[in-house]
Amino acid sequence: MTSWHHRENRVQAQKLFPHHHLLKN
């Protein structure tokens, strides 16, 4: 249900906070 939503949020977060992705991953 929120699979696509989570992915969208992840993409936006990656664009807004590319460093967050590195820390999270």
Protein backbone atom coordinates (compact mmCIF):
# COMPACT_ATOMS: atom_id res chain seq x y z
CA MET A 1 0.00 0.00 0.00
CA THR A 2 2.71 2.45 0.98
CA SER A 3 5.38 0.66 -1.03
CA TRP A 4 5.36 3.18 -3.86
CA HIS A 5 4.89 6.01 -1.40
CA HIS A 6 7.94 4.91 0.56
CA ARG A 7 9.93 4.75 -2.64
CA GLU A 8 8.80 8.24 -3.67
CA ASN A 9 9.69 9.59 -0.25
CA ARG A 10 13.05 7.87 -0.51
CA VAL A 11 13.72 9.48 -3.90
CA GLN A 12 12.73 12.90 -2.61
CA ALA A 13 14.85 12.43 0.49
CA GLN A 14 17.75 11.40 -1.71
CA LYS A 15 17.36 14.58 -3.75
CA LEU A 16 16.86 16.83 -0.75
CA PHE A 17 19.30 15.01 1.50
CA PRO A 18 21.73 12.91 -0.55
CA HIS A 19 23.95 12.59 2.51
CA HIS A 20 21.11 11.06 4.50
CA HIS A 21 21.01 8.13 2.09
CA LEU A 22 24.68 7.44 2.73
CA LEU A 23 24.22 7.60 6.48
CA LYS A 24 21.09 5.47 6.39
CA ASN A 25 22.61 3.00 3.99
